[in-house]
Structures are given as structure tokens and as C-alpha cells.
Amino acid sequence: MAVTRLKRKDRRNKEFTRIRKTNLKNVKQLVYIQSPYKEVSGIVIED
């Protein structure tokens, strides 16, 4: 019975690490662009 539980736990751990790795890759790929209005603080320009 303990072997089955360990196998399930192993599968779950592998799945969580796979998801975590993909999320970290996606976060690293985000490109942060500086705001063109950084000199003017507190003003929101709407068109």
C-alpha cells in the first residue's frame, strides 16, 4: 500500500515541477517596456 502512495506522490511532484518550469520560462520571456510617460507622474493619458 505504501508503494502505491509513493508512486502517486512521485507523479504529482513531477507534474508540479513540470508546470512550475513552464511558468518560469513564460515569465522570463515577458518583455518589459519602459513607459513613454515616465517623466510625467500621476497623469493617465486617454485617447
C-alpha atoms as a PDB file:
ATOM      1  CA  MET A   1       0.000   0.000   0.000  1.00  0.00           C
ATOM      2  CA  ALA A   2       2.819   2.413   0.767  1.00  0.00           C
ATOM      3  CA  VAL A   3       4.382   1.767  -2.633  1.00  0.00           C
ATOM      4  CA  THR A   4       1.203   2.900  -4.408  1.00  0.00           C
ATOM      5  CA  ARG A   5       1.079   6.058  -2.334  1.00  0.00           C
ATOM      6  CA  LEU A   6       4.715   6.834  -3.122  1.00  0.00           C
ATOM      7  CA  LYS A   7       4.111   6.323  -6.845  1.00  0.00           C
ATOM      8  CA  ARG A   8       1.164   8.713  -6.739  1.00  0.00           C
ATOM      9  CA  LYS A   9       3.207  11.252  -4.819  1.00  0.00           C
ATOM     10  CA  ASP A  10       6.046  10.918  -7.325  1.00  0.00           C
ATOM     11  CA  ARG A  11       3.683  11.516 -10.250  1.00  0.00           C
ATOM     12  CA  ARG A  12       2.196  14.565  -8.552  1.00  0.00           C
ATOM     13  CA  ASN A  13       5.649  16.007  -7.783  1.00  0.00           C
ATOM     14  CA  LYS A  14       6.773  15.513 -11.375  1.00  0.00           C
ATOM     15  CA  GLU A  15       3.642  17.217 -12.677  1.00  0.00           C
ATOM     16  CA  PHE A  16       4.019  20.192 -10.334  1.00  0.00           C
ATOM     17  CA  THR A  17       7.678  20.647 -11.255  1.00  0.00           C
ATOM     18  CA  ARG A  18       6.836  20.469 -14.970  1.00  0.00           C
ATOM     19  CA  ILE A  19       4.139  23.119 -14.584  1.00  0.00           C
ATOM     20  CA  ARG A  20       6.436  25.296 -12.465  1.00  0.00           C
ATOM     21  CA  LYS A  21       9.224  25.097 -15.040  1.00  0.00           C
ATOM     22  CA  THR A  22       6.929  26.124 -17.883  1.00  0.00           C
ATOM     23  CA  ASN A  23       5.541  29.018 -15.841  1.00  0.00           C
ATOM     24  CA  LEU A  24       9.045  30.241 -15.035  1.00  0.00           C
ATOM     25  CA  LYS A  25      10.010  30.054 -18.718  1.00  0.00           C
ATOM     26  CA  ASN A  26       6.935  32.090 -19.663  1.00  0.00           C
ATOM     27  CA  VAL A  27       7.676  34.733 -17.034  1.00  0.00           C
ATOM     28  CA  LYS A  28      11.266  35.080 -18.239  1.00  0.00           C
ATOM     29  CA  GLN A  29      10.048  35.618 -21.809  1.00  0.00           C
ATOM     30  CA  LEU A  30       7.951  38.656 -20.848  1.00  0.00           C
ATOM     31  CA  VAL A  31       9.392  41.853 -22.277  1.00  0.00           C
ATOM     32  CA  TYR A  32       9.123  44.863 -20.040  1.00  0.00           C
ATOM     33  CA  ILE A  33       8.880  48.179 -21.896  1.00  0.00           C
ATOM     34  CA  GLN A  34       9.506  51.480 -20.192  1.00  0.00           C
ATOM     35  CA  SER A  35       6.592  53.869 -20.137  1.00  0.00           C
ATOM     36  CA  PRO A  36       6.910  56.837 -22.521  1.00  0.00           C
ATOM     37  CA  TYR A  37       5.267  58.987 -19.827  1.00  0.00           C
ATOM     38  CA  LYS A  38       7.665  58.162 -17.005  1.00  0.00           C
ATOM     39  CA  GLU A  39       8.726  61.811 -16.627  1.00  0.00           C
ATOM     40  CA  VAL A  40       5.086  62.838 -16.046  1.00  0.00           C
ATOM     41  CA  SER A  41       3.985  61.072 -12.896  1.00  0.00           C
ATOM     42  CA  GLY A  42       0.407  60.523 -11.856  1.00  0.00           C
ATOM     43  CA  ILE A  43      -1.194  61.515 -15.157  1.00  0.00           C
ATOM     44  CA  VAL A  44      -3.127  58.953 -17.170  1.00  0.00           C
ATOM     45  CA  ILE A  45      -3.477  59.898 -20.819  1.00  0.00           C
ATOM     46  CA  GLU A  46      -6.558  58.509 -22.557  1.00  0.00           C
ATOM     47  CA  ASP A  47      -7.470  58.798 -26.224  1.00  0.00           C
END
